[in-house]
Amino acid sequence: QVRLVESGGGLVQPGGSLRLSCAASGSIFSINVMNWYRQAPGKQRRLVATLTRSSSTNYADSVKGRFTISRDNAKNTVYLQMNSLKPEDTAVYYCNVRGTYVRGTYSDYREFDSWGPGTQVTVSS
């Protein structure tokens, strides 16, 4: 199907910056929606940022003005630029991509809704 792999997580001090990436691979026909979620220990997974095919964006109130979601269509990759990081941003960050892929060689188009395994972001001094 379609596989996602996140990268770019790590340890950063408060006020620092980090850039996450999510690369999608497979027989992708089109990507319609790209999302970043995060989940802190003992908390629910929450939507952080959304990017549509038409380039519309939406952000959670807690990250507005600090985070920016973007994409590179040629690389089938979505990014999350995180600035002015706070300890409250500490979480596992997950990439989610929805779109259409081609199955085999029969022009069999299917929808996909794929998730990456997540990447840890820790903000601490």
N, C-alpha and C. Protein backbone atom coordinates (compact mmCIF):
# COMPACT_ATOMS: atom_id res chain seq x y z
N GLN A 1 0.86 -1.18 0.00
CA GLN A 1 0.00 0.00 0.00
C GLN A 1 0.90 1.23 0.00
N VAL A 2 0.61 2.19 0.87
CA VAL A 2 1.40 3.39 0.98
C VAL A 2 2.04 3.42 2.35
N ARG A 3 3.36 3.57 2.38
CA ARG A 3 4.11 3.57 3.61
C ARG A 3 4.61 4.98 3.93
N LEU A 4 4.55 5.34 5.21
CA LEU A 4 5.04 6.63 5.68
C LEU A 4 6.16 6.42 6.68
N VAL A 5 7.18 7.25 6.61
CA VAL A 5 8.28 7.22 7.56
C VAL A 5 8.59 8.63 8.01
N GLU A 6 8.48 8.88 9.33
CA GLU A 6 8.82 10.18 9.88
C GLU A 6 10.29 10.23 10.27
N SER A 7 10.84 11.43 10.28
CA SER A 7 12.20 11.64 10.73
C SER A 7 12.35 13.08 11.22
N GLY A 8 13.43 13.35 11.93
CA GLY A 8 13.72 14.70 12.38
C GLY A 8 13.46 14.96 13.84
N GLY A 9 12.91 14.00 14.56
CA GLY A 9 12.66 14.18 15.97
C GLY A 9 13.94 14.15 16.77
N GLY A 10 13.84 14.54 18.04
CA GLY A 10 15.00 14.55 18.91
C GLY A 10 14.80 15.41 20.12
N LEU A 11 15.90 15.72 20.79
CA LEU A 11 15.90 16.54 22.00
C LEU A 11 16.29 17.96 21.66
N VAL A 12 15.51 18.92 22.14
CA VAL A 12 15.78 20.33 21.88
C VAL A 12 15.44 21.14 23.13
N GLN A 13 16.15 22.24 23.34
CA GLN A 13 15.89 23.11 24.49
C GLN A 13 14.69 24.00 24.24
N PRO A 14 14.02 24.43 25.31
CA PRO A 14 12.91 25.38 25.13
C PRO A 14 13.34 26.60 24.33
N GLY A 15 12.48 27.02 23.41
CA GLY A 15 12.79 28.14 22.54
C GLY A 15 13.50 27.73 21.26
N GLY A 16 13.90 26.49 21.17
CA GLY A 16 14.60 26.00 20.00
C GLY A 16 13.66 25.62 18.88
N SER A 17 14.24 25.11 17.80
CA SER A 17 13.48 24.74 16.61
C SER A 17 13.81 23.33 16.17
N LEU A 18 12.86 22.73 15.48
CA LEU A 18 13.02 21.38 14.96
C LEU A 18 12.18 21.26 13.70
N ARG A 19 12.67 20.49 12.74
CA ARG A 19 11.95 20.28 11.48
C ARG A 19 11.71 18.79 11.28
N LEU A 20 10.45 18.39 11.27
CA LEU A 20 10.08 17.01 11.03
C LEU A 20 9.77 16.80 9.56
N SER A 21 10.04 15.61 9.07
CA SER A 21 9.69 15.26 7.70
C SER A 21 8.97 13.92 7.69
N CYS A 22 8.15 13.73 6.67
CA CYS A 22 7.39 12.49 6.50
C CYS A 22 7.41 12.15 5.02
N ALA A 23 8.07 11.06 4.68
CA ALA A 23 8.18 10.63 3.29
C ALA A 23 7.20 9.50 3.01
N ALA A 24 6.42 9.65 1.95
CA ALA A 24 5.45 8.64 1.53
C ALA A 24 5.99 7.87 0.34
N SER A 25 5.82 6.56 0.35
CA SER A 25 6.28 5.72 -0.75
C SER A 25 5.18 4.73 -1.14
N GLY A 26 5.21 4.30 -2.41
CA GLY A 26 4.21 3.39 -2.94
C GLY A 26 3.69 3.90 -4.27
N SER A 27 2.72 3.18 -4.81
CA SER A 27 2.14 3.54 -6.11
C SER A 27 1.08 4.62 -5.93
N ILE A 28 1.53 5.79 -5.54
CA ILE A 28 0.63 6.89 -5.22
C ILE A 28 0.14 7.57 -6.49
N PHE A 29 -1.17 7.70 -6.59
CA PHE A 29 -1.77 8.43 -7.70
C PHE A 29 -1.96 9.90 -7.34
N SER A 30 -2.46 10.14 -6.15
CA SER A 30 -2.64 11.50 -5.69
C SER A 30 -2.67 11.53 -4.17
N ILE A 31 -2.21 12.64 -3.62
CA ILE A 31 -2.30 12.90 -2.19
C ILE A 31 -3.26 14.06 -1.98
N ASN A 32 -4.26 13.86 -1.14
CA ASN A 32 -5.29 14.86 -0.95
C ASN A 32 -5.17 15.62 0.36
N VAL A 33 -4.79 14.92 1.42
CA VAL A 33 -4.70 15.55 2.74
C VAL A 33 -3.46 15.04 3.46
N MET A 34 -2.74 15.95 4.09
CA MET A 34 -1.59 15.62 4.92
C MET A 34 -1.83 16.20 6.31
N ASN A 35 -1.59 15.38 7.32
CA ASN A 35 -1.81 15.80 8.70
C ASN A 35 -0.60 15.46 9.57
N TRP A 36 -0.42 16.27 10.60
CA TRP A 36 0.50 15.95 11.68
C TRP A 36 -0.31 15.87 12.98
N TYR A 37 -0.15 14.77 13.69
CA TYR A 37 -0.74 14.57 15.01
C TYR A 37 0.37 14.45 16.03
N ARG A 38 0.01 14.60 17.30
CA ARG A 38 0.96 14.33 18.36
C ARG A 38 0.24 13.71 19.55
N GLN A 39 0.99 12.94 20.32
CA GLN A 39 0.44 12.27 21.48
C GLN A 39 1.46 12.28 22.61
N ALA A 40 1.12 12.94 23.70
CA ALA A 40 1.95 12.96 24.89
C ALA A 40 1.61 11.76 25.76
N PRO A 41 2.52 11.33 26.63
CA PRO A 41 2.25 10.18 27.50
C PRO A 41 0.98 10.38 28.32
N GLY A 42 0.09 9.39 28.28
CA GLY A 42 -1.15 9.44 29.02
C GLY A 42 -2.21 10.34 28.44
N LYS A 43 -1.95 10.93 27.26
CA LYS A 43 -2.90 11.84 26.64
C LYS A 43 -3.41 11.27 25.33
N GLN A 44 -4.51 11.84 24.84
CA GLN A 44 -5.07 11.44 23.56
C GLN A 44 -4.23 11.99 22.41
N ARG A 45 -4.28 11.30 21.29
CA ARG A 45 -3.63 11.80 20.09
C ARG A 45 -4.45 12.97 19.54
N ARG A 46 -3.79 14.09 19.27
CA ARG A 46 -4.48 15.30 18.85
C ARG A 46 -3.91 15.82 17.53
N LEU A 47 -4.78 16.38 16.73
CA LEU A 47 -4.39 16.95 15.45
C LEU A 47 -3.63 18.26 15.67
N VAL A 48 -2.48 18.40 15.02
CA VAL A 48 -1.64 19.58 15.16
C VAL A 48 -1.75 20.49 13.95
N ALA A 49 -1.65 19.90 12.74
CA ALA A 49 -1.66 20.70 11.52
C ALA A 49 -2.19 19.89 10.36
N THR A 50 -2.82 20.57 9.41
CA THR A 50 -3.40 19.95 8.23
C THR A 50 -3.02 20.74 6.99
N LEU A 51 -2.72 20.02 5.91
CA LEU A 51 -2.42 20.63 4.61
C LEU A 51 -3.17 19.85 3.55
N THR A 52 -3.99 20.54 2.75
CA THR A 52 -4.76 19.90 1.69
C THR A 52 -4.07 20.03 0.35
N ARG A 53 -4.59 19.32 -0.64
CA ARG A 53 -4.03 19.37 -1.98
C ARG A 53 -4.10 20.77 -2.57
N SER A 54 -5.13 21.52 -2.20
CA SER A 54 -5.29 22.89 -2.67
C SER A 54 -4.48 23.89 -1.86
N SER A 55 -3.63 23.39 -0.95
CA SER A 55 -2.72 24.20 -0.14
C SER A 55 -3.39 24.94 1.00
N SER A 56 -4.61 24.54 1.36
CA SER A 56 -5.23 25.09 2.55
C SER A 56 -4.57 24.50 3.79
N THR A 57 -4.42 25.31 4.82
CA THR A 57 -3.79 24.86 6.06
C THR A 57 -4.67 25.17 7.26
N ASN A 58 -4.53 24.35 8.28
CA ASN A 58 -5.18 24.56 9.56
C ASN A 58 -4.25 24.11 10.67
N TYR A 59 -4.29 24.83 11.79
CA TYR A 59 -3.42 24.53 12.91
C TYR A 59 -4.21 24.51 14.21
N ALA A 60 -3.75 23.69 15.13
CA ALA A 60 -4.30 23.74 16.47
C ALA A 60 -3.94 25.08 17.11
N ASP A 61 -4.82 25.60 17.95
CA ASP A 61 -4.58 26.90 18.58
C ASP A 61 -3.26 26.93 19.35
N SER A 62 -2.89 25.82 19.93
CA SER A 62 -1.70 25.76 20.76
C SER A 62 -0.40 25.93 19.98
N VAL A 63 -0.45 25.77 18.65
CA VAL A 63 0.77 25.86 17.85
C VAL A 63 0.72 26.96 16.81
N LYS A 64 -0.39 27.68 16.70
CA LYS A 64 -0.50 28.75 15.72
C LYS A 64 0.59 29.80 15.93
N GLY A 65 1.20 30.20 14.83
CA GLY A 65 2.27 31.18 14.89
C GLY A 65 3.62 30.59 15.18
N ARG A 66 3.68 29.33 15.57
CA ARG A 66 4.95 28.68 15.89
C ARG A 66 5.28 27.54 14.93
N PHE A 67 4.27 26.80 14.49
CA PHE A 67 4.47 25.65 13.61
C PHE A 67 4.01 25.98 12.20
N THR A 68 4.67 25.38 11.21
CA THR A 68 4.30 25.55 9.81
C THR A 68 4.36 24.21 9.10
N ILE A 69 3.25 23.83 8.44
CA ILE A 69 3.21 22.61 7.67
C ILE A 69 3.42 22.95 6.19
N SER A 70 4.21 22.13 5.50
CA SER A 70 4.49 22.35 4.09
C SER A 70 4.74 21.01 3.41
N ARG A 71 4.92 21.03 2.09
CA ARG A 71 5.14 19.79 1.35
C ARG A 71 6.07 20.00 0.18
N ASP A 72 6.63 18.88 -0.29
CA ASP A 72 7.41 18.84 -1.52
C ASP A 72 6.76 17.76 -2.38
N ASN A 73 5.98 18.17 -3.37
CA ASN A 73 5.23 17.23 -4.18
C ASN A 73 6.13 16.25 -4.94
N ALA A 74 7.27 16.73 -5.42
CA ALA A 74 8.18 15.88 -6.18
C ALA A 74 8.73 14.74 -5.33
N LYS A 75 8.85 14.96 -4.03
CA LYS A 75 9.39 13.95 -3.13
C LYS A 75 8.32 13.23 -2.32
N ASN A 76 7.04 13.59 -2.54
CA ASN A 76 5.95 13.03 -1.74
C ASN A 76 6.25 13.13 -0.25
N THR A 77 6.68 14.30 0.16
CA THR A 77 7.11 14.52 1.53
C THR A 77 6.39 15.72 2.14
N VAL A 78 5.98 15.58 3.39
CA VAL A 78 5.37 16.66 4.14
C VAL A 78 6.29 17.01 5.30
N TYR A 79 6.36 18.30 5.63
CA TYR A 79 7.24 18.79 6.68
C TYR A 79 6.44 19.50 7.76
N LEU A 80 7.01 19.54 8.94
CA LEU A 80 6.48 20.33 10.03
C LEU A 80 7.63 21.10 10.66
N GLN A 81 7.67 22.41 10.39
CA GLN A 81 8.66 23.27 10.99
C GLN A 81 8.14 23.75 12.33
N MET A 82 8.89 23.48 13.40
CA MET A 82 8.47 23.82 14.75
C MET A 82 9.45 24.82 15.34
N ASN A 83 8.96 26.00 15.66
CA ASN A 83 9.78 27.06 16.24
C ASN A 83 9.26 27.41 17.63
N SER A 84 10.10 28.10 18.39
CA SER A 84 9.74 28.53 19.75
C SER A 84 9.15 27.38 20.55
N LEU A 85 9.83 26.27 20.54
CA LEU A 85 9.32 25.06 21.18
C LEU A 85 9.22 25.22 22.69
N LYS A 86 8.18 24.62 23.24
CA LYS A 86 7.90 24.63 24.66
C LYS A 86 7.91 23.21 25.21
N PRO A 87 8.14 23.05 26.51
CA PRO A 87 8.06 21.71 27.10
C PRO A 87 6.73 21.02 26.83
N GLU A 88 5.65 21.79 26.72
CA GLU A 88 4.33 21.23 26.44
C GLU A 88 4.24 20.61 25.05
N ASP A 89 5.20 20.89 24.18
CA ASP A 89 5.22 20.30 22.84
C ASP A 89 5.80 18.90 22.84
N THR A 90 6.34 18.47 23.96
CA THR A 90 6.93 17.13 24.05
C THR A 90 5.87 16.07 23.78
N ALA A 91 6.13 15.21 22.79
CA ALA A 91 5.17 14.19 22.39
C ALA A 91 5.78 13.34 21.29
N VAL A 92 5.10 12.25 20.97
CA VAL A 92 5.40 11.51 19.76
C VAL A 92 4.57 12.13 18.64
N TYR A 93 5.23 12.50 17.55
CA TYR A 93 4.56 13.13 16.44
C TYR A 93 4.35 12.13 15.31
N TYR A 94 3.12 12.08 14.81
CA TYR A 94 2.73 11.12 13.79
C TYR A 94 2.29 11.83 12.51
N CYS A 95 2.72 11.29 11.40
CA CYS A 95 2.30 11.77 10.09
C CYS A 95 1.12 10.93 9.60
N ASN A 96 0.13 11.58 9.00
CA ASN A 96 -1.03 10.92 8.43
C ASN A 96 -1.29 11.49 7.04
N VAL A 97 -1.41 10.61 6.04
CA VAL A 97 -1.63 11.04 4.67
C VAL A 97 -2.79 10.26 4.06
N ARG A 98 -3.68 10.97 3.40
CA ARG A 98 -4.82 10.35 2.72
C ARG A 98 -4.79 10.70 1.24
N GLY A 99 -5.16 9.73 0.41
CA GLY A 99 -5.16 9.97 -1.02
C GLY A 99 -5.60 8.74 -1.79
N THR A 100 -5.08 8.59 -3.01
CA THR A 100 -5.43 7.49 -3.90
C THR A 100 -4.17 6.82 -4.41
N TYR A 101 -4.16 5.48 -4.45
CA TYR A 101 -3.03 4.74 -5.00
C TYR A 101 -3.50 3.75 -6.06
N VAL A 102 -2.56 3.23 -6.84
CA VAL A 102 -2.86 2.27 -7.90
C VAL A 102 -2.41 0.89 -7.45
N ARG A 103 -3.31 -0.08 -7.51
CA ARG A 103 -3.01 -1.45 -7.13
C ARG A 103 -2.62 -2.26 -8.36
N GLY A 104 -1.43 -2.83 -8.34
CA GLY A 104 -0.96 -3.66 -9.43
C GLY A 104 -0.83 -2.89 -10.72
N THR A 105 -1.15 -3.57 -11.84
CA THR A 105 -1.02 -2.98 -13.17
C THR A 105 -2.36 -2.92 -13.89
N TYR A 106 -3.43 -2.89 -13.14
CA TYR A 106 -4.77 -2.97 -13.72
C TYR A 106 -5.55 -1.66 -13.64
N SER A 107 -4.87 -0.60 -13.34
CA SER A 107 -5.54 0.69 -13.15
C SER A 107 -6.65 0.58 -12.11
N ASP A 108 -6.35 -0.16 -11.06
CA ASP A 108 -7.28 -0.36 -9.96
C ASP A 108 -6.98 0.69 -8.90
N TYR A 109 -7.78 1.72 -8.87
CA TYR A 109 -7.53 2.83 -7.96
C TYR A 109 -8.21 2.59 -6.62
N ARG A 110 -7.45 2.79 -5.55
CA ARG A 110 -7.94 2.61 -4.20
C ARG A 110 -7.58 3.82 -3.35
N GLU A 111 -8.42 4.09 -2.37
CA GLU A 111 -8.12 5.15 -1.41
C GLU A 111 -7.24 4.60 -0.31
N PHE A 112 -6.37 5.44 0.21
CA PHE A 112 -5.53 5.04 1.34
C PHE A 112 -5.58 6.09 2.44
N ASP A 113 -5.34 5.64 3.63
CA ASP A 113 -5.27 6.47 4.82
C ASP A 113 -4.15 5.87 5.67
N SER A 114 -2.94 6.39 5.48
CA SER A 114 -1.74 5.79 6.06
C SER A 114 -1.19 6.60 7.22
N TRP A 115 -0.55 5.89 8.14
CA TRP A 115 0.09 6.49 9.31
C TRP A 115 1.54 6.06 9.40
N GLY A 116 2.38 6.96 9.84
CA GLY A 116 3.76 6.61 10.11
C GLY A 116 3.91 6.06 11.51
N PRO A 117 5.07 5.50 11.83
CA PRO A 117 5.30 4.92 13.17
C PRO A 117 5.52 5.96 14.27
N GLY A 118 5.73 7.21 13.90
CA GLY A 118 5.92 8.27 14.87
C GLY A 118 7.38 8.58 15.13
N THR A 119 7.64 9.81 15.56
CA THR A 119 8.98 10.23 15.92
C THR A 119 8.90 11.05 17.21
N GLN A 120 9.81 10.80 18.14
CA GLN A 120 9.78 11.43 19.45
C GLN A 120 10.37 12.83 19.40
N VAL A 121 9.65 13.79 19.97
CA VAL A 121 10.13 15.15 20.15
C VAL A 121 10.13 15.45 21.64
N THR A 122 11.28 15.80 22.18
CA THR A 122 11.41 16.12 23.59
C THR A 122 11.97 17.53 23.74
N VAL A 123 11.24 18.39 24.43
CA VAL A 123 11.65 19.77 24.67
C VAL A 123 11.96 19.90 26.16
N SER A 124 13.24 20.04 26.48
CA SER A 124 13.66 20.08 27.87
C SER A 124 15.02 20.76 27.99
N SER A 125 15.23 21.44 29.11
CA SER A 125 16.51 22.04 29.39
C SER A 125 17.40 21.12 30.22
